[in-house]
Amino acid sequence: MGSPFLEEGLEGLQEKPRSGRPAFLTADQQNQLRQFIKSEATSPTGGRLIASDIHHYIVTHFDKHYHPNSIYYLLEHMGFSWITSRSKHPKQSQKAQDDFKKIPNRNDP
């Protein structure tokens, strides 16, 4: 089989329907879920989203049910990484942290 471009010209470069199961969530639903995840990640109340939180959001807002393992696949497909940092405490103070770093260590010469 040759190159699609050589066989069909510019039309050969267009996206073709693919086989396989279609996505459960529409593009609009994925965008809504993406906004939810981003807003929760930057929320000043702290906390961390886990797969069950995301599954609950999907069921509540879209009435779709994913297998728990599929949540991670969905997130990867949406461009998210499941590597997380520690969340910020709501009362966290950068000034207090900076002041603490200025305290000399008794063991320093």
PDB file of N, CA and C in Angstrom:
ATOM      1  N   MET A   1       0.843  -1.172   0.000  1.00  0.00           N
ATOM      2  CA  MET A   1       0.000   0.000   0.000  1.00  0.00           C
ATOM      3  C   MET A   1       0.889   1.236   0.000  1.00  0.00           C
ATOM      4  N   GLY A   2       0.615   2.197  -0.840  1.00  0.00           N
ATOM      5  CA  GLY A   2       1.419   3.396  -0.987  1.00  0.00           C
ATOM      6  C   GLY A   2       0.995   4.494  -0.028  1.00  0.00           C
ATOM      7  N   SER A   3       1.558   5.623  -0.229  1.00  0.00           N
ATOM      8  CA  SER A   3       1.271   6.808   0.572  1.00  0.00           C
ATOM      9  C   SER A   3      -0.144   7.300   0.281  1.00  0.00           C
ATOM     10  N   PRO A   4      -0.920   7.665   1.312  1.00  0.00           N
ATOM     11  CA  PRO A   4      -2.258   8.203   1.054  1.00  0.00           C
ATOM     12  C   PRO A   4      -2.214   9.457   0.194  1.00  0.00           C
ATOM     13  N   PHE A   5      -1.182  10.275   0.369  1.00  0.00           N
ATOM     14  CA  PHE A   5      -1.068  11.491  -0.428  1.00  0.00           C
ATOM     15  C   PHE A   5      -0.861  11.164  -1.902  1.00  0.00           C
ATOM     16  N   LEU A   6       0.016  10.182  -2.176  1.00  0.00           N
ATOM     17  CA  LEU A   6       0.287   9.820  -3.563  1.00  0.00           C
ATOM     18  C   LEU A   6      -0.919   9.172  -4.219  1.00  0.00           C
ATOM     19  N   GLU A   7      -1.692   8.422  -3.438  1.00  0.00           N
ATOM     20  CA  GLU A   7      -2.846   7.730  -4.007  1.00  0.00           C
ATOM     21  C   GLU A   7      -4.070   8.626  -4.143  1.00  0.00           C
ATOM     22  N   GLU A   8      -4.273   9.556  -3.153  1.00  0.00           N
ATOM     23  CA  GLU A   8      -5.513  10.336  -3.129  1.00  0.00           C
ATOM     24  C   GLU A   8      -5.284  11.841  -3.182  1.00  0.00           C
ATOM     25  N   GLY A   9      -4.054  12.284  -3.239  1.00  0.00           N
ATOM     26  CA  GLY A   9      -3.786  13.727  -3.229  1.00  0.00           C
ATOM     27  C   GLY A   9      -4.049  14.320  -1.849  1.00  0.00           C
ATOM     28  N   LEU A  10      -4.476  15.575  -1.816  1.00  0.00           N
ATOM     29  CA  LEU A  10      -4.738  16.248  -0.539  1.00  0.00           C
ATOM     30  C   LEU A  10      -5.830  15.555   0.269  1.00  0.00           C
ATOM     31  N   GLU A  11      -6.792  14.971  -0.399  1.00  0.00           N
ATOM     32  CA  GLU A  11      -7.876  14.261   0.302  1.00  0.00           C
ATOM     33  C   GLU A  11      -7.324  13.099   1.124  1.00  0.00           C
ATOM     34  N   GLY A  12      -6.225  12.520   0.678  1.00  0.00           N
ATOM     35  CA  GLY A  12      -5.628  11.407   1.400  1.00  0.00           C
ATOM     36  C   GLY A  12      -5.029  11.801   2.732  1.00  0.00           C
ATOM     37  N   LEU A  13      -4.795  13.087   2.930  1.00  0.00           N
ATOM     38  CA  LEU A  13      -4.223  13.562   4.191  1.00  0.00           C
ATOM     39  C   LEU A  13      -5.284  13.917   5.226  1.00  0.00           C
ATOM     40  N   GLN A  14      -6.537  13.950   4.816  1.00  0.00           N
ATOM     41  CA  GLN A  14      -7.619  14.265   5.743  1.00  0.00           C
ATOM     42  C   GLN A  14      -7.823  13.112   6.734  1.00  0.00           C
ATOM     43  N   GLU A  15      -8.238  13.475   7.947  1.00  0.00           N
ATOM     44  CA  GLU A  15      -8.510  12.479   8.989  1.00  0.00           C
ATOM     45  C   GLU A  15      -9.665  11.588   8.542  1.00  0.00           C
ATOM     46  N   LYS A  16      -9.491  10.295   8.677  1.00  0.00           N
ATOM     47  CA  LYS A  16     -10.508   9.313   8.281  1.00  0.00           C
ATOM     48  C   LYS A  16     -11.159   8.741   9.544  1.00  0.00           C
ATOM     49  N   PRO A  17     -12.372   8.240   9.429  1.00  0.00           N
ATOM     50  CA  PRO A  17     -12.993   7.589  10.586  1.00  0.00           C
ATOM     51  C   PRO A  17     -12.116   6.421  11.048  1.00  0.00           C
ATOM     52  N   ARG A  18     -12.058   6.255  12.336  1.00  0.00           N
ATOM     53  CA  ARG A  18     -11.228   5.187  12.890  1.00  0.00           C
ATOM     54  C   ARG A  18     -12.107   4.096  13.477  1.00  0.00           C
ATOM     55  N   SER A  19     -11.556   2.924  13.509  1.00  0.00           N
ATOM     56  CA  SER A  19     -12.290   1.827  14.124  1.00  0.00           C
ATOM     57  C   SER A  19     -12.096   1.910  15.631  1.00  0.00           C
ATOM     58  N   GLY A  20     -12.870   1.167  16.340  1.00  0.00           N
ATOM     59  CA  GLY A  20     -12.755   1.161  17.797  1.00  0.00           C
ATOM     60  C   GLY A  20     -13.944   1.849  18.433  1.00  0.00           C
ATOM     61  N   ARG A  21     -13.993   1.715  19.733  1.00  0.00           N
ATOM     62  CA  ARG A  21     -15.102   2.276  20.491  1.00  0.00           C
ATOM     63  C   ARG A  21     -14.995   3.799  20.518  1.00  0.00           C
ATOM     64  N   PRO A  22     -16.100   4.494  20.247  1.00  0.00           N
ATOM     65  CA  PRO A  22     -16.062   5.956  20.327  1.00  0.00           C
ATOM     66  C   PRO A  22     -15.922   6.408  21.785  1.00  0.00           C
ATOM     67  N   ALA A  23     -15.440   7.612  21.979  1.00  0.00           N
ATOM     68  CA  ALA A  23     -15.265   8.146  23.327  1.00  0.00           C
ATOM     69  C   ALA A  23     -16.625   8.267  24.009  1.00  0.00           C
ATOM     70  N   PHE A  24     -16.645   7.981  25.318  1.00  0.00           N
ATOM     71  CA  PHE A  24     -17.887   8.120  26.087  1.00  0.00           C
ATOM     72  C   PHE A  24     -18.273   9.591  26.241  1.00  0.00           C
ATOM     73  N   LEU A  25     -17.269  10.449  26.412  1.00  0.00           N
ATOM     74  CA  LEU A  25     -17.533  11.865  26.620  1.00  0.00           C
ATOM     75  C   LEU A  25     -17.341  12.626  25.314  1.00  0.00           C
ATOM     76  N   THR A  26     -18.239  13.540  25.060  1.00  0.00           N
ATOM     77  CA  THR A  26     -18.104  14.394  23.882  1.00  0.00           C
ATOM     78  C   THR A  26     -16.960  15.378  24.110  1.00  0.00           C
ATOM     79  N   ALA A  27     -16.588  16.084  23.075  1.00  0.00           N
ATOM     80  CA  ALA A  27     -15.518  17.082  23.204  1.00  0.00           C
ATOM     81  C   ALA A  27     -15.920  18.168  24.202  1.00  0.00           C
ATOM     82  N   ASP A  28     -17.195  18.588  24.180  1.00  0.00           N
ATOM     83  CA  ASP A  28     -17.663  19.599  25.133  1.00  0.00           C
ATOM     84  C   ASP A  28     -17.606  19.075  26.567  1.00  0.00           C
ATOM     85  N   GLN A  29     -17.992  17.822  26.754  1.00  0.00           N
ATOM     86  CA  GLN A  29     -17.928  17.234  28.094  1.00  0.00           C
ATOM     87  C   GLN A  29     -16.478  17.120  28.568  1.00  0.00           C
ATOM     88  N   GLN A  30     -15.575  16.750  27.668  1.00  0.00           N
ATOM     89  CA  GLN A  30     -14.163  16.678  28.048  1.00  0.00           C
ATOM     90  C   GLN A  30     -13.636  18.054  28.422  1.00  0.00           C
ATOM     91  N   ASN A  31     -14.048  19.087  27.704  1.00  0.00           N
ATOM     92  CA  ASN A  31     -13.619  20.445  28.059  1.00  0.00           C
ATOM     93  C   ASN A  31     -14.158  20.860  29.418  1.00  0.00           C
ATOM     94  N   GLN A  32     -15.414  20.505  29.698  1.00  0.00           N
ATOM     95  CA  GLN A  32     -16.000  20.821  31.004  1.00  0.00           C
ATOM     96  C   GLN A  32     -15.245  20.079  32.108  1.00  0.00           C
ATOM     97  N   LEU A  33     -14.938  18.810  31.884  1.00  0.00           N
ATOM     98  CA  LEU A  33     -14.183  18.026  32.862  1.00  0.00           C
ATOM     99  C   LEU A  33     -12.781  18.614  33.043  1.00  0.00           C
ATOM    100  N   ARG A  34     -12.151  19.008  31.956  1.00  0.00           N
ATOM    101  CA  ARG A  34     -10.817  19.622  32.022  1.00  0.00           C
ATOM    102  C   ARG A  34     -10.847  20.878  32.891  1.00  0.00           C
ATOM    103  N   GLN A  35     -11.870  21.714  32.721  1.00  0.00           N
ATOM    104  CA  GLN A  35     -11.993  22.938  33.525  1.00  0.00           C
ATOM    105  C   GLN A  35     -12.211  22.604  35.000  1.00  0.00           C
ATOM    106  N   PHE A  36     -13.017  21.582  35.275  1.00  0.00           N
ATOM    107  CA  PHE A  36     -13.241  21.153  36.656  1.00  0.00           C
ATOM    108  C   PHE A  36     -11.924  20.715  37.304  1.00  0.00           C
ATOM    109  N   ILE A  37     -11.158  19.909  36.601  1.00  0.00           N
ATOM    110  CA  ILE A  37      -9.895  19.400  37.148  1.00  0.00           C
ATOM    111  C   ILE A  37      -8.929  20.548  37.401  1.00  0.00           C
ATOM    112  N   LYS A  38      -8.821  21.462  36.439  1.00  0.00           N
ATOM    113  CA  LYS A  38      -7.907  22.597  36.603  1.00  0.00           C
ATOM    114  C   LYS A  38      -8.339  23.505  37.747  1.00  0.00           C
ATOM    115  N   SER A  39      -9.643  23.743  37.879  1.00  0.00           N
ATOM    116  CA  SER A  39     -10.106  24.619  38.963  1.00  0.00           C
ATOM    117  C   SER A  39      -9.889  23.970  40.321  1.00  0.00           C
ATOM    118  N   GLU A  40     -10.070  22.658  40.410  1.00  0.00           N
ATOM    119  CA  GLU A  40      -9.833  21.966  41.676  1.00  0.00           C
ATOM    120  C   GLU A  40      -8.348  21.930  42.014  1.00  0.00           C
ATOM    121  N   ALA A  41      -7.508  21.818  41.004  1.00  0.00           N
ATOM    122  CA  ALA A  41      -6.061  21.748  41.232  1.00  0.00           C
ATOM    123  C   ALA A  41      -5.521  23.065  41.769  1.00  0.00           C
ATOM    124  N   THR A  42      -6.152  24.165  41.410  1.00  0.00           N
ATOM    125  CA  THR A  42      -5.678  25.475  41.854  1.00  0.00           C
ATOM    126  C   THR A  42      -6.556  26.066  42.955  1.00  0.00           C
ATOM    127  N   SER A  43      -7.459  25.291  43.489  1.00  0.00           N
ATOM    128  CA  SER A  43      -8.377  25.769  44.514  1.00  0.00           C
ATOM    129  C   SER A  43      -7.626  26.145  45.791  1.00  0.00           C
ATOM    130  N   PRO A  44      -7.943  27.276  46.386  1.00  0.00           N
ATOM    131  CA  PRO A  44      -7.265  27.673  47.617  1.00  0.00           C
ATOM    132  C   PRO A  44      -7.664  26.825  48.827  1.00  0.00           C
ATOM    133  N   THR A  45      -8.677  26.001  48.689  1.00  0.00           N
ATOM    134  CA  THR A  45      -9.093  25.169  49.823  1.00  0.00           C
ATOM    135  C   THR A  45      -8.229  23.924  49.969  1.00  0.00           C
ATOM    136  N   GLY A  46      -7.277  23.744  49.088  1.00  0.00           N
ATOM    137  CA  GLY A  46      -6.386  22.581  49.194  1.00  0.00           C
ATOM    138  C   GLY A  46      -7.094  21.315  48.763  1.00  0.00           C
ATOM    139  N   GLY A  47      -6.534  20.193  49.114  1.00  0.00           N
ATOM    140  CA  GLY A  47      -7.128  18.923  48.739  1.00  0.00           C
ATOM    141  C   GLY A  47      -6.522  18.388  47.467  1.00  0.00           C
ATOM    142  N   ARG A  48      -6.869  17.182  47.155  1.00  0.00           N
ATOM    143  CA  ARG A  48      -6.313  16.515  45.984  1.00  0.00           C
ATOM    144  C   ARG A  48      -7.408  15.685  45.347  1.00  0.00           C
ATOM    145  N   LEU A  49      -7.487  15.743  44.036  1.00  0.00           N
ATOM    146  CA  LEU A  49      -8.447  14.909  43.318  1.00  0.00           C
ATOM    147  C   LEU A  49      -7.892  13.498  43.188  1.00  0.00           C
ATOM    148  N   ILE A  50      -8.754  12.540  43.398  1.00  0.00           N
ATOM    149  CA  ILE A  50      -8.401  11.153  43.143  1.00  0.00           C
ATOM    150  C   ILE A  50      -9.381  10.625  42.097  1.00  0.00           C
ATOM    151  N   ALA A  51      -9.085   9.454  41.568  1.00  0.00           N
ATOM    152  CA  ALA A  51      -9.896   8.914  40.469  1.00  0.00           C
ATOM    153  C   ALA A  51     -11.372   8.827  40.839  1.00  0.00           C
ATOM    154  N   SER A  52     -11.671   8.482  42.086  1.00  0.00           N
ATOM    155  CA  SER A  52     -13.087   8.364  42.478  1.00  0.00           C
ATOM    156  C   SER A  52     -13.782   9.726  42.460  1.00  0.00           C
ATOM    157  N   ASP A  53     -13.052  10.816  42.748  1.00  0.00           N
ATOM    158  CA  ASP A  53     -13.635  12.158  42.659  1.00  0.00           C
ATOM    159  C   ASP A  53     -13.996  12.487  41.218  1.00  0.00           C
ATOM    160  N   ILE A  54     -13.098  12.148  40.308  1.00  0.00           N
ATOM    161  CA  ILE A  54     -13.337  12.427  38.896  1.00  0.00           C
ATOM    162  C   ILE A  54     -14.463  11.560  38.363  1.00  0.00           C
ATOM    163  N   HIS A  55     -14.487  10.295  38.780  1.00  0.00           N
ATOM    164  CA  HIS A  55     -15.574   9.397  38.375  1.00  0.00           C
ATOM    165  C   HIS A  55     -16.910   9.932  38.873  1.00  0.00           C
ATOM    166  N   HIS A  56     -16.953  10.394  40.117  1.00  0.00           N
ATOM    167  CA  HIS A  56     -18.195  10.942  40.684  1.00  0.00           C
ATOM    168  C   HIS A  56     -18.658  12.160  39.877  1.00  0.00           C
ATOM    169  N   TYR A  57     -17.733  13.017  39.502  1.00  0.00           N
ATOM    170  CA  TYR A  57     -18.077  14.195  38.703  1.00  0.00           C
ATOM    171  C   TYR A  57     -18.672  13.772  37.355  1.00  0.00           C
ATOM    172  N   ILE A  58     -18.062  12.791  36.717  1.00  0.00           N
ATOM    173  CA  ILE A  58     -18.544  12.316  35.415  1.00  0.00           C
ATOM    174  C   ILE A  58     -19.946  11.720  35.534  1.00  0.00           C
ATOM    175  N   VAL A  59     -20.171  10.917  36.556  1.00  0.00           N
ATOM    176  CA  VAL A  59     -21.490  10.309  36.752  1.00  0.00           C
ATOM    177  C   VAL A  59     -22.526  11.386  37.042  1.00  0.00           C
ATOM    178  N   THR A  60     -22.195  12.316  37.931  1.00  0.00           N
ATOM    179  CA  THR A  60     -23.134  13.357  38.354  1.00  0.00           C
ATOM    180  C   THR A  60     -23.487  14.313  37.211  1.00  0.00           C
ATOM    181  N   HIS A  61     -22.491  14.730  36.445  1.00  0.00           N
ATOM    182  CA  HIS A  61     -22.728  15.749  35.428  1.00  0.00           C
ATOM    183  C   HIS A  61     -23.059  15.198  34.039  1.00  0.00           C
ATOM    184  N   PHE A  62     -22.590  13.996  33.738  1.00  0.00           N
ATOM    185  CA  PHE A  62     -22.774  13.470  32.383  1.00  0.00           C
ATOM    186  C   PHE A  62     -23.536  12.153  32.343  1.00  0.00           C
ATOM    187  N   ASP A  63     -23.818  11.573  33.497  1.00  0.00           N
ATOM    188  CA  ASP A  63     -24.509  10.281  33.597  1.00  0.00           C
ATOM    189  C   ASP A  63     -23.799   9.200  32.781  1.00  0.00           C
ATOM    190  N   LYS A  64     -22.466   9.205  32.847  1.00  0.00           N
ATOM    191  CA  LYS A  64     -21.647   8.195  32.179  1.00  0.00           C
ATOM    192  C   LYS A  64     -20.877   7.440  33.255  1.00  0.00           C
ATOM    193  N   HIS A  65     -20.660   6.157  33.038  1.00  0.00           N
ATOM    194  CA  HIS A  65     -19.972   5.325  34.023  1.00  0.00           C
ATOM    195  C   HIS A  65     -18.709   4.734  33.408  1.00  0.00           C
ATOM    196  N   TYR A  66     -17.588   5.065  34.005  1.00  0.00           N
ATOM    197  CA  TYR A  66     -16.285   4.546  33.587  1.00  0.00           C
ATOM    198  C   TYR A  66     -15.815   3.510  34.586  1.00  0.00           C
ATOM    199  N   HIS A  67     -15.106   2.517  34.106  1.00  0.00           N
ATOM    200  CA  HIS A  67     -14.391   1.607  34.999  1.00  0.00           C
ATOM    201  C   HIS A  67     -13.290   2.432  35.656  1.00  0.00           C
ATOM    202  N   PRO A  68     -12.998   2.214  36.947  1.00  0.00           N
ATOM    203  CA  PRO A  68     -11.967   3.021  37.618  1.00  0.00           C
ATOM    204  C   PRO A  68     -10.635   3.077  36.869  1.00  0.00           C
ATOM    205  N   ASN A  69     -10.195   1.979  36.279  1.00  0.00           N
ATOM    206  CA  ASN A  69      -8.937   2.001  35.535  1.00  0.00           C
ATOM    207  C   ASN A  69      -9.026   2.888  34.287  1.00  0.00           C
ATOM    208  N   SER A  70     -10.217   3.022  33.740  1.00  0.00           N
ATOM    209  CA  SER A  70     -10.393   3.825  32.537  1.00  0.00           C
ATOM    210  C   SER A  70     -10.285   5.316  32.815  1.00  0.00           C
ATOM    211  N   ILE A  71     -10.474   5.720  34.069  1.00  0.00           N
ATOM    212  CA  ILE A  71     -10.335   7.128  34.429  1.00  0.00           C
ATOM    213  C   ILE A  71      -8.913   7.587  34.123  1.00  0.00           C
ATOM    214  N   TYR A  72      -7.926   6.756  34.473  1.00  0.00           N
ATOM    215  CA  TYR A  72      -6.532   7.120  34.234  1.00  0.00           C
ATOM    216  C   TYR A  72      -6.246   7.217  32.731  1.00  0.00           C
ATOM    217  N   TYR A  73      -6.813   6.326  31.952  1.00  0.00           N
ATOM    218  CA  TYR A  73      -6.644   6.371  30.499  1.00  0.00           C
ATOM    219  C   TYR A  73      -7.279   7.641  29.944  1.00  0.00           C
ATOM    220  N   LEU A  74      -8.474   7.965  30.423  1.00  0.00           N
ATOM    221  CA  LEU A  74      -9.160   9.175  29.978  1.00  0.00           C
ATOM    222  C   LEU A  74      -8.318  10.413  30.285  1.00  0.00           C
ATOM    223  N   LEU A  75      -7.783  10.484  31.500  1.00  0.00           N
ATOM    224  CA  LEU A  75      -6.969  11.638  31.885  1.00  0.00           C
ATOM    225  C   LEU A  75      -5.722  11.755  31.010  1.00  0.00           C
ATOM    226  N   GLU A  76      -5.092  10.626  30.733  1.00  0.00           N
ATOM    227  CA  GLU A  76      -3.914  10.634  29.869  1.00  0.00           C
ATOM    228  C   GLU A  76      -4.287  11.118  28.470  1.00  0.00           C
ATOM    229  N   HIS A  77      -5.415  10.628  27.971  1.00  0.00           N
ATOM    230  CA  HIS A  77      -5.900  11.036  26.652  1.00  0.00           C
ATOM    231  C   HIS A  77      -6.195  12.539  26.610  1.00  0.00           C
ATOM    232  N   MET A  78      -6.624  13.101  27.732  1.00  0.00           N
ATOM    233  CA  MET A  78      -6.946  14.524  27.814  1.00  0.00           C
ATOM    234  C   MET A  78      -5.708  15.378  28.073  1.00  0.00           C
ATOM    235  N   GLY A  79      -4.548  14.742  28.212  1.00  0.00           N
ATOM    236  CA  GLY A  79      -3.314  15.498  28.386  1.00  0.00           C
ATOM    237  C   GLY A  79      -2.890  15.710  29.820  1.00  0.00           C
ATOM    238  N   PHE A  80      -3.535  15.032  30.765  1.00  0.00           N
ATOM    239  CA  PHE A  80      -3.169  15.163  32.170  1.00  0.00           C
ATOM    240  C   PHE A  80      -2.193  14.063  32.563  1.00  0.00           C
ATOM    241  N   SER A  81      -1.356  14.378  33.503  1.00  0.00           N
ATOM    242  CA  SER A  81      -0.441  13.401  34.070  1.00  0.00           C
ATOM    243  C   SER A  81      -0.930  13.087  35.472  1.00  0.00           C
ATOM    244  N   TRP A  82      -0.799  11.865  35.895  1.00  0.00           N
ATOM    245  CA  TRP A  82      -1.259  11.502  37.228  1.00  0.00           C
ATOM    246  C   TRP A  82      -0.167  11.718  38.271  1.00  0.00           C
ATOM    247  N   ILE A  83       0.926  12.326  37.874  1.00  0.00           N
ATOM    248  CA  ILE A  83       1.966  12.694  38.830  1.00  0.00           C
ATOM    249  C   ILE A  83       1.512  13.992  39.465  1.00  0.00           C
ATOM    250  N   THR A  84       1.384  13.988  40.761  1.00  0.00           N
ATOM    251  CA  THR A  84       0.862  15.162  41.435  1.00  0.00           C
ATOM    252  C   THR A  84       1.859  15.704  42.439  1.00  0.00           C
ATOM    253  N   SER A  85       1.699  16.945  42.729  1.00  0.00           N
ATOM    254  CA  SER A  85       2.487  17.555  43.788  1.00  0.00           C
ATOM    255  C   SER A  85       1.613  17.629  45.039  1.00  0.00           C
ATOM    256  N   ARG A  86       2.247  17.925  46.130  1.00  0.00           N
ATOM    257  CA  ARG A  86       1.491  18.067  47.367  1.00  0.00           C
ATOM    258  C   ARG A  86       0.635  19.313  47.269  1.00  0.00           C
ATOM    259  N   SER A  87      -0.598  19.224  47.713  1.00  0.00           N
ATOM    260  CA  SER A  87      -1.481  20.385  47.638  1.00  0.00           C
ATOM    261  C   SER A  87      -1.063  21.429  48.672  1.00  0.00           C
ATOM    262  N   LYS A  88      -1.503  22.643  48.456  1.00  0.00           N
ATOM    263  CA  LYS A  88      -1.185  23.733  49.366  1.00  0.00           C
ATOM    264  C   LYS A  88      -2.251  23.810  50.457  1.00  0.00           C
ATOM    265  N   HIS A  89      -1.801  23.990  51.678  1.00  0.00           N
ATOM    266  CA  HIS A  89      -2.726  24.185  52.786  1.00  0.00           C
ATOM    267  C   HIS A  89      -3.388  25.545  52.615  1.00  0.00           C
ATOM    268  N   PRO A  90      -4.686  25.659  52.926  1.00  0.00           N
ATOM    269  CA  PRO A  90      -5.378  26.938  52.730  1.00  0.00           C
ATOM    270  C   PRO A  90      -4.760  28.093  53.521  1.00  0.00           C
ATOM    271  N   LYS A  91      -4.133  27.797  54.656  1.00  0.00           N
ATOM    272  CA  LYS A  91      -3.542  28.860  55.476  1.00  0.00           C
ATOM    273  C   LYS A  91      -2.042  28.987  55.252  1.00  0.00           C
ATOM    274  N   GLN A  92      -1.535  28.367  54.204  1.00  0.00           N
ATOM    275  CA  GLN A  92      -0.112  28.417  53.906  1.00  0.00           C
ATOM    276  C   GLN A  92       0.314  29.858  53.642  1.00  0.00           C
ATOM    277  N   SER A  93       1.459  30.239  54.180  1.00  0.00           N
ATOM    278  CA  SER A  93       1.968  31.582  54.003  1.00  0.00           C
ATOM    279  C   SER A  93       3.386  31.509  53.453  1.00  0.00           C
ATOM    280  N   GLN A  94       3.586  32.072  52.275  1.00  0.00           N
ATOM    281  CA  GLN A  94       4.925  32.091  51.690  1.00  0.00           C
ATOM    282  C   GLN A  94       5.861  32.923  52.553  1.00  0.00           C
ATOM    283  N   LYS A  95       5.354  34.017  53.159  1.00  0.00           N
ATOM    284  CA  LYS A  95       6.187  34.856  54.015  1.00  0.00           C
ATOM    285  C   LYS A  95       6.662  34.066  55.231  1.00  0.00           C
ATOM    286  N   ALA A  96       5.781  33.293  55.853  1.00  0.00           N
ATOM    287  CA  ALA A  96       6.179  32.482  57.006  1.00  0.00           C
ATOM    288  C   ALA A  96       7.236  31.454  56.610  1.00  0.00           C
ATOM    289  N   GLN A  97       7.106  30.881  55.433  1.00  0.00           N
ATOM    290  CA  GLN A  97       8.099  29.920  54.976  1.00  0.00           C
ATOM    291  C   GLN A  97       9.443  30.597  54.744  1.00  0.00           C
ATOM    292  N   ASP A  98       9.416  31.763  54.115  1.00  0.00           N
ATOM    293  CA  ASP A  98      10.661  32.488  53.850  1.00  0.00           C
ATOM    294  C   ASP A  98      11.326  32.916  55.159  1.00  0.00           C
ATOM    295  N   ASP A  99      10.517  33.377  56.131  1.00  0.00           N
ATOM    296  CA  ASP A  99      11.069  33.771  57.430  1.00  0.00           C
ATOM    297  C   ASP A  99      11.686  32.574  58.139  1.00  0.00           C
ATOM    298  N   PHE A 100      11.051  31.423  58.043  1.00  0.00           N
ATOM    299  CA  PHE A 100      11.570  30.215  58.687  1.00  0.00           C
ATOM    300  C   PHE A 100      12.927  29.833  58.113  1.00  0.00           C
ATOM    301  N   LYS A 101      13.092  30.021  56.813  1.00  0.00           N
ATOM    302  CA  LYS A 101      14.358  29.677  56.164  1.00  0.00           C
ATOM    303  C   LYS A 101      15.490  30.577  56.625  1.00  0.00           C
ATOM    304  N   LYS A 102      15.170  31.761  57.144  1.00  0.00           N
ATOM    305  CA  LYS A 102      16.189  32.708  57.597  1.00  0.00           C
ATOM    306  C   LYS A 102      16.717  32.371  58.988  1.00  0.00           C
ATOM    307  N   ILE A 103      16.043  31.483  59.702  1.00  0.00           N
ATOM    308  CA  ILE A 103      16.501  31.105  61.047  1.00  0.00           C
ATOM    309  C   ILE A 103      17.778  30.308  60.905  1.00  0.00           C
ATOM    310  N   PRO A 104      18.867  30.761  61.538  1.00  0.00           N
ATOM    311  CA  PRO A 104      20.133  30.026  61.401  1.00  0.00           C
ATOM    312  C   PRO A 104      20.054  28.664  62.084  1.00  0.00           C
ATOM    313  N   ASN A 105      20.708  27.726  61.479  1.00  0.00           N
ATOM    314  CA  ASN A 105      20.791  26.379  62.026  1.00  0.00           C
ATOM    315  C   ASN A 105      21.857  26.368  63.116  1.00  0.00           C
ATOM    316  N   ARG A 106      21.518  25.827  64.299  1.00  0.00           N
ATOM    317  CA  ARG A 106      22.493  25.797  65.413  1.00  0.00           C
ATOM    318  C   ARG A 106      23.718  24.979  65.082  1.00  0.00           C
ATOM    319  N   ASN A 107      23.610  24.052  64.183  1.00  0.00           N
ATOM    320  CA  ASN A 107      24.732  23.185  63.846  1.00  0.00           C
ATOM    321  C   ASN A 107      25.669  23.803  62.817  1.00  0.00           C
ATOM    322  N   ASP A 108      25.241  24.924  62.205  1.00  0.00           N
ATOM    323  CA  ASP A 108      26.099  25.596  61.227  1.00  0.00           C
ATOM    324  C   ASP A 108      27.254  26.297  61.950  1.00  0.00           C
ATOM    325  N   PRO A 109      28.467  26.271  61.419  1.00  0.00           N
ATOM    326  CA  PRO A 109      29.603  26.952  62.072  1.00  0.00           C
ATOM    327  C   PRO A 109      29.497  28.448  62.011  1.00  0.00           C
TER     328      PRO A 109
END
